C-alpha atoms as a PDB file:
ATOM      1  CA  MET A   1      58.279 249.864  18.209  1.00  0.00           C
ATOM      2  CA  GLY A   2      59.236 252.434  15.681  1.00  0.00           C
ATOM      3  CA  ARG A   3      61.051 251.672  12.595  1.00  0.00           C
ATOM      4  CA  THR A   4      64.080 254.087  11.162  1.00  0.00           C
ATOM      5  CA  GLN A   5      66.689 253.962   8.223  1.00  0.00           C
ATOM      6  CA  VAL A   6      70.182 254.080   9.064  1.00  0.00           C
ATOM      7  CA  TYR A   7      73.236 254.315   6.189  1.00  0.00           C
ATOM      8  CA  LEU A   8      76.197 252.820   7.654  1.00  0.00           C
ATOM      9  CA  GLY A   9      79.645 252.500   6.034  1.00  0.00           C
ATOM     10  CA  LYS A  10      81.343 249.532   5.297  1.00  0.00           C
ATOM     11  CA  GLU A  11      83.605 249.668   8.350  1.00  0.00           C
ATOM     12  CA  GLU A  12      80.576 250.171  10.168  1.00  0.00           C
ATOM     13  CA  LEU A  13      78.486 247.291   8.871  1.00  0.00           C
ATOM     14  CA  GLU A  14      81.700 244.992   9.412  1.00  0.00           C
ATOM     15  CA  LEU A  15      81.714 245.709  12.745  1.00  0.00           C
ATOM     16  CA  LEU A  16      78.349 245.519  13.300  1.00  0.00           C
ATOM     17  CA  ASP A  17      78.220 242.001  11.011  1.00  0.00           C
ATOM     18  CA  ARG A  18      81.245 240.446  13.290  1.00  0.00           C
ATOM     19  CA  ALA A  19      79.459 241.590  16.922  1.00  0.00           C
ATOM     20  CA  ALA A  20      76.308 240.213  15.337  1.00  0.00           C
ATOM     21  CA  GLN A  21      78.155 236.670  14.706  1.00  0.00           C
ATOM     22  CA  ALA A  22      79.968 236.646  17.997  1.00  0.00           C
ATOM     23  CA  THR A  23      76.686 237.369  20.076  1.00  0.00           C
ATOM     24  CA  GLY A  24      73.880 235.862  18.038  1.00  0.00           C
ATOM     25  CA  ALA A  25      72.089 239.061  18.015  1.00  0.00           C
ATOM     26  CA  SER A  26      70.485 241.033  15.129  1.00  0.00           C
ATOM     27  CA  ARG A  27      72.285 243.438  13.945  1.00  0.00           C
ATOM     28  CA  SER A  28      68.540 245.424  14.883  1.00  0.00           C
ATOM     29  CA  GLU A  29      69.341 244.397  18.507  1.00  0.00           C
ATOM     30  CA  LEU A  30      72.715 245.522  18.690  1.00  0.00           C
ATOM     31  CA  ILE A  31      71.743 249.138  17.496  1.00  0.00           C
ATOM     32  CA  ARG A  32      68.869 249.054  19.812  1.00  0.00           C
ATOM     33  CA  ARG A  33      71.578 248.064  22.572  1.00  0.00           C
ATOM     34  CA  ALA A  34      73.903 250.481  21.549  1.00  0.00           C
ATOM     35  CA  VAL A  35      71.378 253.327  21.463  1.00  0.00           C
ATOM     36  CA  ARG A  36      70.204 252.167  25.027  1.00  0.00           C
ATOM     37  CA  SER A  37      73.692 252.430  26.489  1.00  0.00           C
ATOM     38  CA  THR A  38      74.666 255.563  24.675  1.00  0.00           C
ATOM     39  CA  PHE A  39      71.051 257.459  25.488  1.00  0.00           C
ATOM     40  CA  GLY A  40      69.349 256.190  27.867  1.00  0.00           C
ATOM     41  CA  GLU A  41      69.561 254.100  31.530  1.00  0.00           C
ATOM     42  CA  MET A  42      70.379 250.393  31.638  1.00  0.00           C
ATOM     43  CA  THR A  43      67.374 248.792  33.665  1.00  0.00           C
ATOM     44  CA  LYS A  44      67.735 246.514  36.956  1.00  0.00           C
ATOM     45  CA  ALA A  45      67.545 243.446  34.957  1.00  0.00           C
ATOM     46  CA  GLU A  46      70.083 244.430  32.560  1.00  0.00           C
ATOM     47  CA  ARG A  47      72.479 245.290  35.064  1.00  0.00           C
ATOM     48  CA  LEU A  48      71.854 242.066  36.898  1.00  0.00           C
ATOM     49  CA  ARG A  49      72.695 240.279  33.415  1.00  0.00           C
ATOM     50  CA  ALA A  50      76.133 242.141  32.976  1.00  0.00           C
ATOM     51  CA  LEU A  51      76.602 241.562  36.302  1.00  0.00           C
ATOM     52  CA  GLU A  52      76.339 237.802  35.547  1.00  0.00           C
ATOM     53  CA  ALA A  53      78.019 237.531  32.621  1.00  0.00           C
ATOM     54  CA  SER A  54      81.069 239.049  33.972  1.00  0.00           C
ATOM     55  CA  ALA A  55      81.425 237.115  37.052  1.00  0.00           C
ATOM     56  CA  GLY A  56      84.340 234.761  37.268  1.00  0.00           C
ATOM     57  CA  SER A  57      86.284 237.030  34.068  1.00  0.00           C
ATOM     58  CA  TRP A  58      89.449 236.322  35.822  1.00  0.00           C
ATOM     59  CA  ARG A  59      88.739 233.124  36.994  1.00  0.00           C
ATOM     60  CA  ASN A  60      91.174 231.263  34.864  1.00  0.00           C
ATOM     61  CA  ARG A  61      93.930 233.583  34.741  1.00  0.00           C
ATOM     62  CA  GLY A  62      97.290 233.354  36.362  1.00  0.00           C
ATOM     63  CA  PHE A  63      97.146 236.579  38.852  1.00  0.00           C
ATOM     64  CA  THR A  64      94.478 238.611  40.106  1.00  0.00           C
ATOM     65  CA  GLY A  65      92.871 241.905  39.839  1.00  0.00           C
ATOM     66  CA  ALA A  66      95.039 243.214  42.017  1.00  0.00           C
ATOM     67  CA  GLU A  67      98.286 241.980  40.802  1.00  0.00           C
ATOM     68  CA  TYR A  68      97.168 243.040  37.302  1.00  0.00           C
ATOM     69  CA  VAL A  69      96.951 246.626  38.329  1.00  0.00           C
ATOM     70  CA  ASP A  70     100.004 246.628  40.167  1.00  0.00           C
ATOM     71  CA  ALA A  71     101.766 245.588  37.028  1.00  0.00           C
ATOM     72  CA  LEU A  72      99.875 248.193  35.434  1.00  0.00           C
ATOM     73  CA  ARG A  73     101.050 250.886  37.838  1.00  0.00           C
ATOM     74  CA  GLY A  74     104.807 249.499  37.731  1.00  0.00           C
ATOM     75  CA  ASP A  75     107.230 251.970  40.058  1.00  0.00           C
ATOM     76  CA  LEU A  76     104.083 254.557  40.336  1.00  0.00           C
ATOM     77  CA  ASP A  77     104.635 254.126  44.034  1.00  0.00           C
ATOM     78  CA  GLU A  78     108.392 255.327  43.868  1.00  0.00           C
ATOM     79  CA  ARG A  79     107.742 257.975  41.240  1.00  0.00           C
ATOM     80  CA  LEU A  80     105.208 259.636  43.671  1.00  0.00           C
ATOM     81  CA  ARG A  81     107.903 259.979  46.470  1.00  0.00           C
END
């Protein structure tokens, strides 16, 4: 692993620290993840972890994903006619 030095502004550091606290990951790990997600492809294991982490995210809502999309679209069907 290589070492580098990065200068971040106060706002970026605050964002990074909030994310670190929320996820339990270090600043360094969050930066590595951001670089991989921006410039590299996710490995199969990373994609699987992301899918598993998001599974059931609509479970405790009072509406389905389809109902949510319909509400966002509003009267789109009528406007397109």
